[in-house]
Amino acid sequence: DKALRTAKEKAVAILIDSDVTLQETLTEVQRARELASKAGLSVESSIVKPAIDPSLVENAYLTANDGISSGANGFTGGHSNTDHVVVTTGDDQIDRIAELKRNLLRRHRAMQPEQRGDERWDKPKIPGERRRRIVREQDREDYPPEAPNTGWDVFIRQMTVKIRHDRPDERHDQSKVLQELGKIWRMGMSEDERDYFTKFATDAKKEFDQQVIEYRATGSYQPSKHFERLENSSVWIRKDRPSPLEKEISSYETIQFPKRPPKLDKEYQEREMRSILKRKLKLKGLMNEDGKTWKEGVNFEAELEKERKKRIKHNDDGDDSE
């Protein structure tokens, strides 16, 4: 019975992990789908032409350097290093359309400096000189805040805030929290409850796309009347029809939590101090080859006590200066 119970618990844990992985994968697929749609493609289609035996391609212009046709270059991911490879069909009209398409793609890339490789920088790389990266449009402070991609994203961010608020004295482990949330999402919620988050993400994404269009046309955008991002974080809530969970987390004094509970700070600092001192002494060659013991004359605890006193003195000096 005990072995059966253990096996069952392991199976449930595997299912939860699989569900979390699946949701994360779906999030990435959704992101890929959105990126592909902007290029007139889809995640179901291939952006790379199928590999072709070069010997079978009669009308292929080969590269000047290696003489490899576009078929052989099919595995490069369709990036710009194959732009110089042109495959003709023999049909003048089709080839002319393909040429126009290539020209338009190059012109489109030329209008987006952040996508032009070396031109992502304000000047060429010169030894001894600094250069600055060109700021992308989405990196600007006045750019519309990006909406969550999926309902799962909305759910885990809202629930993580609630969990951290409800467990202020516990060490936070996001991987374990994701396992808990995966189990709730999969087995503890109804279809309607999941649909709420899915519709939330869909509506927020549509509004974000409209804001981007408005921003690119006018340089500004109208703030959302339906959705709100809390404290400039990745946590979103509905303003017009908030759920009970959203009402709760929006009532918190803050959703910015410390890395660890205050009562664990001393333990963490002690562990950090030991680790830094150990590394420092090891770099000085004061550790034996076994990597565990110290050479003769080295008193690690005494050195650690000196570090403690230094840190206390440093903190006191900092308080006095304030």
Protein backbone atom coordinates (compact mmCIF):
# COMPACT_ATOMS: atom_id res chain seq x y z
CA ASP A 1 0.00 0.00 0.00
CA LYS A 2 2.80 2.41 0.87
CA ALA A 3 4.61 1.72 -2.43
CA LEU A 4 1.37 2.21 -4.34
CA ARG A 5 0.71 5.51 -2.56
CA THR A 6 4.24 6.70 -3.31
CA ALA A 7 3.90 5.77 -6.97
CA LYS A 8 0.57 7.59 -7.14
CA GLU A 9 2.07 10.73 -5.60
CA LYS A 10 4.95 10.64 -8.09
CA ALA A 11 2.49 10.23 -10.96
CA VAL A 12 0.47 13.23 -9.77
CA ALA A 13 3.67 15.28 -9.44
CA ILE A 14 4.68 14.33 -13.00
CA LEU A 15 1.24 15.34 -14.28
CA ILE A 16 1.49 18.71 -12.55
CA ASP A 17 4.99 19.32 -13.96
CA SER A 18 3.77 18.30 -17.40
CA ASP A 19 0.85 20.70 -17.14
CA VAL A 20 3.12 23.58 -16.16
CA THR A 21 5.47 22.78 -19.04
CA LEU A 22 2.53 22.54 -21.42
CA GLN A 23 1.17 25.92 -20.35
CA GLU A 24 4.60 27.53 -20.72
CA THR A 25 4.95 25.95 -24.18
CA LEU A 26 1.51 27.20 -25.20
CA THR A 27 2.56 30.68 -24.10
CA GLU A 28 5.64 30.52 -26.35
CA VAL A 29 3.60 29.10 -29.24
CA GLN A 30 1.10 31.94 -28.88
CA ARG A 31 3.95 34.45 -28.94
CA ALA A 32 5.41 32.76 -32.02
CA ARG A 33 1.97 32.78 -33.67
CA GLU A 34 1.65 36.53 -33.12
CA LEU A 35 5.13 37.21 -34.49
CA ALA A 36 4.49 34.98 -37.49
CA SER A 37 1.15 36.65 -38.25
CA LYS A 38 2.88 40.05 -38.50
CA ALA A 39 5.06 38.61 -41.25
CA GLY A 40 2.10 37.06 -43.06
CA LEU A 41 3.09 33.57 -41.91
CA SER A 42 1.81 31.10 -39.36
CA VAL A 43 3.41 28.68 -36.91
CA GLU A 44 1.99 25.84 -38.97
CA SER A 45 3.92 26.92 -42.07
CA SER A 46 7.66 26.83 -42.64
CA ILE A 47 9.57 30.03 -43.33
CA VAL A 48 12.33 27.96 -44.94
CA LYS A 49 12.02 26.39 -48.35
CA PRO A 50 12.44 22.60 -48.26
CA ALA A 51 15.98 21.40 -48.81
CA ILE A 52 16.74 20.67 -52.44
CA ASP A 53 19.61 18.70 -53.91
CA PRO A 54 21.80 21.33 -55.66
CA SER A 55 22.42 18.96 -58.53
CA LEU A 56 18.68 18.93 -59.28
CA VAL A 57 18.30 22.72 -59.34
CA GLU A 58 19.01 23.85 -62.88
CA ASN A 59 18.02 27.51 -62.57
CA ALA A 60 19.74 28.53 -59.34
CA TYR A 61 22.17 31.39 -58.95
CA LEU A 62 24.96 30.10 -56.75
CA THR A 63 26.83 32.09 -54.12
CA ALA A 64 30.09 33.65 -55.18
CA ASN A 65 31.96 32.19 -52.23
CA ASP A 66 30.99 28.58 -51.87
CA GLY A 67 28.79 27.72 -54.81
CA ILE A 68 25.99 26.34 -52.63
CA SER A 69 22.44 26.76 -53.86
CA SER A 70 19.42 27.87 -51.87
CA GLY A 71 18.39 24.26 -51.44
CA ALA A 72 21.55 23.45 -49.55
CA ASN A 73 21.13 26.65 -47.56
CA GLY A 74 17.65 25.63 -46.49
CA PHE A 75 18.85 24.79 -43.00
CA THR A 76 20.06 28.28 -42.14
CA GLY A 77 16.65 29.35 -40.90
CA GLY A 78 15.87 31.68 -43.80
CA HIS A 79 17.89 34.55 -42.35
CA SER A 80 19.53 37.38 -44.25
CA ASN A 81 22.69 35.40 -44.96
CA THR A 82 20.73 33.66 -47.75
CA ASP A 83 19.30 36.84 -49.30
CA HIS A 84 21.90 36.71 -52.02
CA VAL A 85 20.67 33.25 -53.10
CA VAL A 86 17.95 33.59 -55.75
CA VAL A 87 16.05 30.65 -57.17
CA THR A 88 14.27 31.22 -60.48
CA THR A 89 11.28 29.29 -61.77
CA GLY A 90 11.59 30.12 -65.45
CA ASP A 91 8.30 32.03 -65.34
CA ASP A 92 9.12 35.72 -65.86
CA GLN A 93 5.98 36.95 -64.10
CA ILE A 94 6.49 34.80 -60.99
CA ASP A 95 10.20 35.65 -60.81
CA ARG A 96 9.42 39.37 -61.14
CA ILE A 97 6.91 39.19 -58.27
CA ALA A 98 9.47 37.32 -56.14
CA GLU A 99 12.05 40.01 -56.86
CA LEU A 100 9.64 42.76 -55.84
CA LYS A 101 8.86 40.87 -52.64
CA ARG A 102 12.56 40.61 -51.79
CA ASN A 103 13.03 44.32 -52.40
CA LEU A 104 10.08 45.19 -50.18
CA LEU A 105 11.40 42.96 -47.39
CA ARG A 106 14.81 44.63 -47.56
CA ARG A 107 13.19 48.07 -47.53
CA HIS A 108 11.09 47.08 -44.51
CA ARG A 109 14.19 45.96 -42.60
CA ALA A 110 15.97 49.18 -43.56
CA MET A 111 13.20 51.17 -41.86
CA GLN A 112 13.76 49.35 -38.56
CA PRO A 113 17.30 50.17 -37.35
CA GLU A 114 17.14 47.77 -34.41
CA GLN A 115 16.83 44.84 -36.82
CA ARG A 116 19.83 45.63 -39.03
CA GLY A 117 22.63 43.84 -37.23
CA ASP A 118 25.59 46.24 -37.00
CA GLU A 119 23.24 49.19 -37.41
CA ARG A 120 21.74 48.46 -34.02
CA TRP A 121 24.58 50.68 -32.78
CA ASP A 122 25.00 54.41 -33.28
CA LYS A 123 28.43 53.98 -34.89
CA PRO A 124 30.83 51.21 -35.99
CA LYS A 125 32.87 49.37 -33.40
CA ILE A 126 36.20 51.16 -32.93
CA PRO A 127 38.78 49.93 -30.38
CA GLY A 128 38.98 52.29 -27.42
CA GLU A 129 35.72 54.10 -28.20
CA ARG A 130 32.28 53.67 -26.72
CA ARG A 131 29.13 53.28 -28.74
CA ARG A 132 25.47 53.27 -27.81
CA ARG A 133 22.78 50.83 -28.73
CA ILE A 134 19.88 52.25 -30.72
CA VAL A 135 16.80 52.29 -28.50
CA ARG A 136 14.08 50.06 -29.85
CA GLU A 137 10.58 51.42 -30.12
CA GLN A 138 9.24 49.06 -27.45
CA ASP A 139 12.00 50.11 -25.04
CA ARG A 140 10.81 53.70 -24.86
CA GLU A 141 9.18 54.82 -21.62
CA ASP A 142 6.13 56.20 -23.43
CA TYR A 143 5.49 52.95 -25.36
CA PRO A 144 2.24 51.15 -24.44
CA PRO A 145 2.75 48.49 -21.74
CA GLU A 146 2.67 45.03 -23.30
CA ALA A 147 -0.40 43.02 -22.38
CA PRO A 148 -0.19 39.42 -21.07
CA ASN A 149 -0.01 36.78 -23.79
CA THR A 150 -2.31 34.12 -22.34
CA GLY A 151 -4.87 33.56 -19.62
CA TRP A 152 -2.35 31.36 -17.84
CA ASP A 153 0.02 34.36 -17.64
CA VAL A 154 -2.71 36.49 -16.07
CA PHE A 155 -3.62 33.75 -13.60
CA ILE A 156 -0.13 32.91 -12.32
CA ARG A 157 0.83 36.57 -11.87
CA GLN A 158 -2.30 37.43 -9.93
CA MET A 159 -2.08 34.28 -7.81
CA THR A 160 1.63 34.74 -7.13
CA VAL A 161 0.87 38.16 -5.65
CA LYS A 162 -1.84 36.65 -3.43
CA ILE A 163 0.41 33.79 -2.29
CA ARG A 164 3.29 36.11 -1.44
CA HIS A 165 0.94 38.41 0.43
CA ASP A 166 -0.64 35.53 2.37
CA ARG A 167 2.72 33.93 3.24
CA PRO A 168 4.89 36.87 4.35
CA ASP A 169 7.04 34.79 6.70
CA GLU A 170 7.74 31.87 4.34
CA ARG A 171 10.59 31.53 1.88
CA HIS A 172 9.22 32.01 -1.64
CA ASP A 173 10.01 29.31 -4.20
CA GLN A 174 8.43 30.19 -7.54
CA SER A 175 8.97 26.72 -9.02
CA LYS A 176 6.94 25.15 -6.21
CA VAL A 177 4.33 27.88 -6.50
CA LEU A 178 3.98 27.09 -10.22
CA GLN A 179 3.37 23.45 -9.34
CA GLU A 180 0.64 24.46 -6.92
CA LEU A 181 -0.93 26.81 -9.44
CA GLY A 182 -0.70 24.21 -12.20
CA LYS A 183 -2.67 21.79 -10.05
CA ILE A 184 -5.28 24.46 -9.27
CA TRP A 185 -5.56 25.45 -12.95
CA ARG A 186 -5.89 21.86 -14.10
CA MET A 187 -8.04 20.29 -11.42
CA GLY A 188 -9.33 23.01 -9.11
CA MET A 189 -10.95 25.38 -11.59
CA SER A 190 -14.01 25.07 -13.79
CA GLU A 191 -13.96 25.74 -17.52
CA ASP A 192 -15.78 29.04 -16.98
CA GLU A 193 -13.18 30.17 -14.44
CA ARG A 194 -10.36 29.43 -16.87
CA ASP A 195 -12.28 31.13 -19.69
CA TYR A 196 -12.35 34.35 -17.64
CA PHE A 197 -8.55 34.56 -17.72
CA THR A 198 -8.37 33.49 -21.36
CA LYS A 199 -10.83 36.21 -22.41
CA PHE A 200 -8.94 38.69 -20.22
CA ALA A 201 -5.73 38.04 -22.15
CA THR A 202 -7.47 38.11 -25.54
CA ASP A 203 -9.22 41.43 -24.88
CA ALA A 204 -6.11 43.01 -23.34
CA LYS A 205 -4.00 41.93 -26.32
CA LYS A 206 -6.47 43.41 -28.81
CA GLU A 207 -6.44 46.70 -26.93
CA PHE A 208 -2.63 46.67 -26.77
CA ASP A 209 -2.41 46.16 -30.54
CA GLN A 210 -4.68 49.17 -31.07
CA GLN A 211 -2.56 51.25 -28.70
CA VAL A 212 0.57 50.33 -30.67
CA ILE A 213 -1.08 51.40 -33.93
CA GLU A 214 -2.14 54.69 -32.34
CA TYR A 215 1.33 55.22 -30.84
CA ARG A 216 3.08 54.67 -34.16
CA ALA A 217 0.69 57.07 -35.89
CA THR A 218 0.62 59.88 -33.32
CA GLY A 219 3.49 59.30 -30.86
CA SER A 220 1.05 58.77 -27.98
CA TYR A 221 -1.85 56.51 -27.02
CA GLN A 222 -5.00 56.55 -24.94
CA PRO A 223 -4.61 54.69 -21.61
CA SER A 224 -6.81 51.65 -21.21
CA LYS A 225 -10.26 52.13 -19.71
CA HIS A 226 -10.68 48.43 -19.03
CA PHE A 227 -7.31 47.09 -17.85
CA GLU A 228 -4.72 48.30 -15.37
CA ARG A 229 -1.14 47.27 -14.65
CA LEU A 230 -0.43 47.35 -10.92
CA GLU A 231 2.61 49.34 -9.75
CA ASN A 232 4.30 49.18 -13.15
CA SER A 233 4.64 45.41 -12.79
CA SER A 234 3.55 42.48 -14.97
CA VAL A 235 0.38 42.00 -12.89
CA TRP A 236 -2.79 43.09 -14.70
CA ILE A 237 -6.36 43.47 -13.45
CA ARG A 238 -9.68 44.54 -14.94
CA LYS A 239 -10.77 48.01 -13.93
CA ASP A 240 -14.35 47.88 -15.17
CA ARG A 241 -15.38 44.37 -14.04
CA PRO A 242 -12.78 43.14 -11.52
CA SER A 243 -13.03 39.60 -10.20
CA PRO A 244 -12.98 38.92 -6.43
CA LEU A 245 -9.28 38.00 -6.72
CA GLU A 246 -8.50 41.24 -8.55
CA LYS A 247 -10.40 43.29 -5.98
CA GLU A 248 -8.37 41.61 -3.25
CA ILE A 249 -4.91 42.14 -4.73
CA SER A 250 -5.71 45.73 -5.74
CA SER A 251 -6.50 46.45 -2.08
CA TYR A 252 -3.01 45.42 -0.91
CA GLU A 253 -0.75 48.23 0.26
CA THR A 254 1.88 47.02 -2.19
CA ILE A 255 2.56 44.11 -4.49
CA GLN A 256 6.33 44.63 -4.37
CA PHE A 257 7.64 42.04 -1.92
CA PRO A 258 11.17 41.58 -0.50
CA LYS A 259 13.32 38.77 -1.86
CA ARG A 260 13.02 36.94 1.45
CA PRO A 261 11.19 37.37 4.77
CA PRO A 262 12.97 39.79 7.15
CA LYS A 263 13.49 37.03 9.71
CA LEU A 264 15.56 35.08 7.15
CA ASP A 265 17.79 38.03 6.26
CA LYS A 266 20.32 37.30 9.01
CA GLU A 267 20.61 33.66 7.97
CA TYR A 268 21.04 34.66 4.32
CA GLN A 269 23.70 37.29 5.10
CA GLU A 270 25.63 34.79 7.22
CA ARG A 271 25.57 32.23 4.42
CA GLU A 272 26.59 34.86 1.88
CA MET A 273 29.46 36.06 4.10
CA ARG A 274 30.79 32.52 4.50
CA SER A 275 30.62 31.89 0.76
CA ILE A 276 32.43 35.14 -0.13
CA LEU A 277 35.16 34.58 2.46
CA LYS A 278 35.67 30.98 1.37
CA ARG A 279 36.07 32.08 -2.25
CA LYS A 280 38.46 34.86 -1.25
CA LEU A 281 40.72 32.54 0.76
CA LYS A 282 40.61 29.90 -1.94
CA LEU A 283 41.81 32.43 -4.53
CA LYS A 284 44.73 33.24 -2.23
CA GLY A 285 45.72 29.56 -2.33
CA LEU A 286 44.96 28.93 1.35
CA MET A 287 42.78 25.86 0.75
CA ASN A 288 44.15 22.34 0.46
CA GLU A 289 43.80 20.38 -2.75
CA ASP A 290 40.88 18.38 -1.36
CA GLY A 291 38.78 21.56 -1.55
CA LYS A 292 37.44 21.07 1.97
CA THR A 293 40.18 21.77 4.50
CA TRP A 294 42.38 24.78 5.06
CA LYS A 295 46.14 24.95 5.10
CA GLU A 296 48.04 25.13 8.35
CA GLY A 297 47.70 28.45 10.14
CA VAL A 298 44.34 29.35 8.59
CA ASN A 299 41.52 29.80 11.09
CA PHE A 300 38.38 30.18 9.01
CA GLU A 301 36.07 31.01 11.94
CA ALA A 302 38.44 33.73 13.17
CA GLU A 303 38.57 35.24 9.69
CA LEU A 304 34.79 35.04 9.53
CA GLU A 305 34.48 36.92 12.82
CA LYS A 306 36.70 39.69 11.38
CA GLU A 307 34.40 39.94 8.38
CA ARG A 308 31.37 40.21 10.67
CA LYS A 309 32.97 43.10 12.56
CA LYS A 310 33.88 44.83 9.28
CA ARG A 311 30.31 44.53 8.05
CA ILE A 312 28.87 45.83 11.34
CA LYS A 313 31.29 48.79 11.29
CA HIS A 314 30.44 49.51 7.65
CA ASN A 315 26.71 49.49 8.43
CA ASP A 316 27.22 51.76 11.44
CA ASP A 317 29.24 54.22 9.36
CA GLY A 318 26.49 54.23 6.76
CA ASP A 319 23.86 55.00 9.38
CA ASP A 320 25.97 57.87 10.79
CA SER A 321 26.40 59.43 7.35
CA GLU A 322 22.63 59.50 6.89
